[in-house]
Amino acid sequence: MAGRHYEDFEPGEVLRHALRRTVTESDNVSFCSLTMNTQPLHLDEEYAKRTRFGRRVVNGLLTLALSVGISVRDTTEGTLVANLGYDAVKHPAPVFHGDTIRVETRVASKRTTSKPGQGLVVFEHTVYNQRDEVVCTYTRTALVSMRSDANGGKT
């Protein structure tokens, strides 16, 4: 298991995830199809040529989903109880077919809960393209397992 337990996170620490992902046209079209999103900005090249972007833009929810996935191995893989929320999602720049994204995660805060063996960790994720432009930012609140519960038993 690669993920970290509640005790392993330190507020203020920054994780630079080694995993990267080049977003393909197929990824974008498949994601739009799976989510029933018919937005022509994502799917219709002729339509997109007439927009300020001049070409199709990758669905922002795909960028968000990929970035969460990229961060999981180094954060909550196998230790997550539940993702409780995604807040303040912003897309300051578009992602295009062929862009490669990478993610940095800052541990914003953490606190114990009333539930034994679990704690809340707030992550601030920043997503970059291959030109080091910020393409997405958001906060994720996760309920994470502790290494042991209040009675000393394994969780």
Protein backbone atom coordinates (compact mmCIF):
# COMPACT_ATOMS: atom_id res chain seq x y z
CA MET A 1 0.00 0.00 0.00
CA ALA A 2 1.51 3.29 -1.11
CA GLY A 3 -0.85 5.73 0.62
CA ARG A 4 -0.14 7.47 3.88
CA HIS A 5 -1.96 7.34 7.19
CA TYR A 6 -3.23 10.39 9.04
CA GLU A 7 -0.12 10.51 11.25
CA ASP A 8 2.15 10.69 8.18
CA PHE A 9 0.85 14.05 6.94
CA GLU A 10 2.40 17.33 8.10
CA PRO A 11 0.57 20.61 7.46
CA GLY A 12 2.58 22.76 5.07
CA GLU A 13 4.41 19.89 3.38
CA VAL A 14 4.36 19.81 -0.42
CA LEU A 15 4.21 16.57 -2.40
CA ARG A 16 5.47 16.67 -5.98
CA HIS A 17 3.91 13.63 -7.58
CA ALA A 18 6.20 11.79 -10.00
CA LEU A 19 3.32 10.38 -12.02
CA ARG A 20 2.33 12.49 -15.05
CA ARG A 21 -0.30 12.01 -17.74
CA THR A 22 -0.53 13.11 -21.36
CA VAL A 23 -4.21 13.74 -22.12
CA THR A 24 -5.28 12.34 -25.48
CA GLU A 25 -8.19 13.09 -27.76
CA SER A 26 -9.48 9.61 -27.03
CA ASP A 27 -9.41 10.31 -23.27
CA ASN A 28 -11.44 13.48 -23.75
CA VAL A 29 -14.01 11.98 -26.13
CA SER A 30 -14.43 8.87 -23.95
CA PHE A 31 -14.85 10.94 -20.79
CA CYS A 32 -17.42 13.20 -22.44
CA SER A 33 -19.29 10.13 -23.69
CA LEU A 34 -19.24 8.39 -20.29
CA THR A 35 -20.52 11.52 -18.56
CA MET A 36 -23.04 12.35 -21.33
CA ASN A 37 -21.45 15.78 -21.83
CA THR A 38 -22.25 16.96 -25.36
CA GLN A 39 -20.54 20.36 -25.04
CA PRO A 40 -19.23 21.15 -28.57
CA LEU A 41 -16.22 22.98 -27.12
CA HIS A 42 -14.95 19.54 -26.09
CA LEU A 43 -16.10 17.48 -29.07
CA ASP A 44 -16.61 19.55 -32.24
CA GLU A 45 -13.39 20.80 -33.84
CA GLU A 46 -15.17 23.11 -36.29
CA TYR A 47 -17.18 24.70 -33.51
CA ALA A 48 -14.08 25.02 -31.29
CA LYS A 49 -12.12 26.75 -34.09
CA ARG A 50 -14.52 29.69 -33.77
CA THR A 51 -13.95 30.07 -30.00
CA ARG A 52 -11.23 32.09 -28.30
CA PHE A 53 -9.26 28.85 -27.88
CA GLY A 54 -9.20 28.02 -31.61
CA ARG A 55 -9.41 24.28 -30.90
CA ARG A 56 -11.13 21.75 -28.66
CA VAL A 57 -10.59 22.08 -24.92
CA VAL A 58 -10.30 19.02 -22.70
CA ASN A 59 -13.28 18.64 -20.36
CA GLY A 60 -12.31 20.33 -17.08
CA LEU A 61 -13.83 17.52 -15.05
CA LEU A 62 -11.45 15.10 -16.76
CA THR A 63 -8.52 17.30 -15.72
CA LEU A 64 -9.86 17.30 -12.16
CA ALA A 65 -10.40 13.52 -12.12
CA LEU A 66 -6.97 12.76 -13.57
CA SER A 67 -5.26 15.03 -11.08
CA VAL A 68 -6.96 13.33 -8.14
CA GLY A 69 -5.87 9.98 -9.55
CA ILE A 70 -2.29 11.18 -10.03
CA SER A 71 -2.16 12.24 -6.36
CA VAL A 72 -3.73 9.12 -4.82
CA ARG A 73 -0.65 6.90 -4.72
CA ASP A 74 1.26 9.45 -2.63
CA THR A 75 -1.65 10.49 -0.44
CA THR A 76 -4.59 8.19 0.28
CA GLU A 77 -4.16 4.92 -1.62
CA GLY A 78 -5.43 2.22 0.72
CA THR A 79 -5.86 4.61 3.66
CA LEU A 80 -8.85 6.63 2.45
CA VAL A 81 -12.08 6.24 4.35
CA ALA A 82 -13.93 8.80 2.20
CA ASN A 83 -13.41 11.90 0.10
CA LEU A 84 -15.69 14.41 1.81
CA GLY A 85 -15.50 17.28 -0.63
CA TYR A 86 -13.84 19.16 -3.44
CA ASP A 87 -13.89 22.92 -3.00
CA ALA A 88 -12.78 26.06 -4.79
CA VAL A 89 -12.16 24.29 -8.12
CA LYS A 90 -10.64 26.69 -10.64
CA HIS A 91 -9.43 26.23 -14.20
CA PRO A 92 -7.20 29.28 -14.87
CA ALA A 93 -5.96 27.88 -18.20
CA PRO A 94 -7.28 25.22 -20.58
CA VAL A 95 -5.89 21.75 -21.18
CA PHE A 96 -5.64 20.67 -24.82
CA HIS A 97 -5.20 17.27 -26.46
CA GLY A 98 -1.53 16.33 -26.14
CA ASP A 99 -0.88 18.34 -22.98
CA THR A 100 0.93 16.53 -20.19
CA ILE A 101 -0.27 17.31 -16.69
CA ARG A 102 1.50 16.98 -13.38
CA VAL A 103 0.30 17.66 -9.85
CA GLU A 104 1.65 19.16 -6.66
CA THR A 105 -0.20 18.72 -3.39
CA ARG A 106 0.15 20.87 -0.29
CA VAL A 107 -1.14 19.51 3.00
CA ALA A 108 -3.19 22.50 4.14
CA SER A 109 -4.35 21.14 7.49
CA LYS A 110 -5.34 18.08 9.46
CA ARG A 111 -7.39 17.35 12.55
CA THR A 112 -8.69 14.41 14.46
CA THR A 113 -12.37 13.53 14.44
CA SER A 114 -14.80 12.01 16.91
CA LYS A 115 -14.50 8.71 15.04
CA PRO A 116 -11.74 6.50 16.46
CA GLY A 117 -8.95 5.69 14.04
CA GLN A 118 -9.78 8.43 11.52
CA GLY A 119 -8.68 11.98 10.84
CA LEU A 120 -9.43 14.75 8.35
CA VAL A 121 -6.73 15.95 5.98
CA VAL A 122 -7.23 18.95 3.70
CA PHE A 123 -5.16 18.93 0.51
CA GLU A 124 -4.57 21.85 -1.84
CA HIS A 125 -3.88 20.46 -5.31
CA THR A 126 -2.25 22.46 -8.11
CA VAL A 127 -2.22 21.01 -11.63
CA TYR A 128 0.35 22.15 -14.22
CA ASN A 129 0.79 21.51 -17.93
CA GLN A 130 4.12 20.79 -19.61
CA ARG A 131 4.83 24.54 -19.84
CA ASP A 132 4.44 24.86 -16.05
CA GLU A 133 1.20 26.84 -16.48
CA VAL A 134 -1.38 26.28 -13.76
CA VAL A 135 -4.41 24.63 -15.37
CA CYS A 136 -6.42 23.64 -12.30
CA THR A 137 -6.47 24.27 -8.54
CA TYR A 138 -8.77 22.87 -5.86
CA THR A 139 -9.03 21.77 -2.26
CA ARG A 140 -9.87 18.17 -1.35
CA THR A 141 -10.97 17.11 2.11
CA ALA A 142 -10.29 13.46 2.90
CA LEU A 143 -11.15 11.26 5.83
CA VAL A 144 -8.06 9.10 6.32
CA SER A 145 -7.29 6.07 8.48
CA MET A 146 -4.92 6.37 11.38
CA ARG A 147 -2.26 3.76 11.86
CA SER A 148 -4.02 2.60 15.03
CA ASP A 149 -7.24 3.49 16.80
CA ALA A 150 -7.56 5.02 20.29
CA ASN A 151 -7.38 1.53 21.88
CA GLY A 152 -4.10 0.72 20.16
CA GLY A 153 -5.66 -1.76 17.73
CA LYS A 154 -4.90 -1.78 14.04
CA THR A 155 -7.34 -0.01 11.72
